[in-house]
């Protein structure tokens, strides 16, 4: 998995458990890929190709983020570094809630988007996308998950992602949808040594 984010690695490891493939994160000391694309797809393709070459293995890269209607789609591709790359995710969540202060519940719509790309030896092998519609809460709820999970409530559900068991979140999430679309393809591919 072309990421240093252990939360993403854990989620993907669970989602891929029945494919015959194993999923690990990037080795320590692996350089970061500069995510300067305008779309989730551009960033995911760039990461997958970069890390497949750098690590010398099949690389599965995701770029994902939160798009909030009332903020004109922000934070979008800047989700991981929104407002200030130096602040913590807790501070970032608090800042988002502050920007939405006074916005009524019916105007707090948002969606999580995940774009996955599988690359090997300089070639993109497969791409999938998942989208989860929902809304931003008016305060933090729960301490599970990671990122914006404590302030995102998926459509049709009362708990936030951070309040859900991992299996429930995975079944609903943008990442779960993108992986589900990738799983059949992976089941029909032969895993190879050094998969990341």
Foldseek 3Di string as FASTA:
>chain_A
DLDPDVLVQVLVQVLQVPQQDGTDYDDPPDDDDDQPDPAFVVSQVSSQLVCCVVQVAKDKGKQKAKAWVVVVGPPHSCQCQPPHVPDDLVVVLVVVLVVCPPPDFVRFKMKMKMKMWIDHDNDTDDIFMFMFIFGFANDFDADARDHNQRGTDTPPGDHGNRPDDSVVCLVRHGVNRRVVVCRVVSSPDDHDPPHD
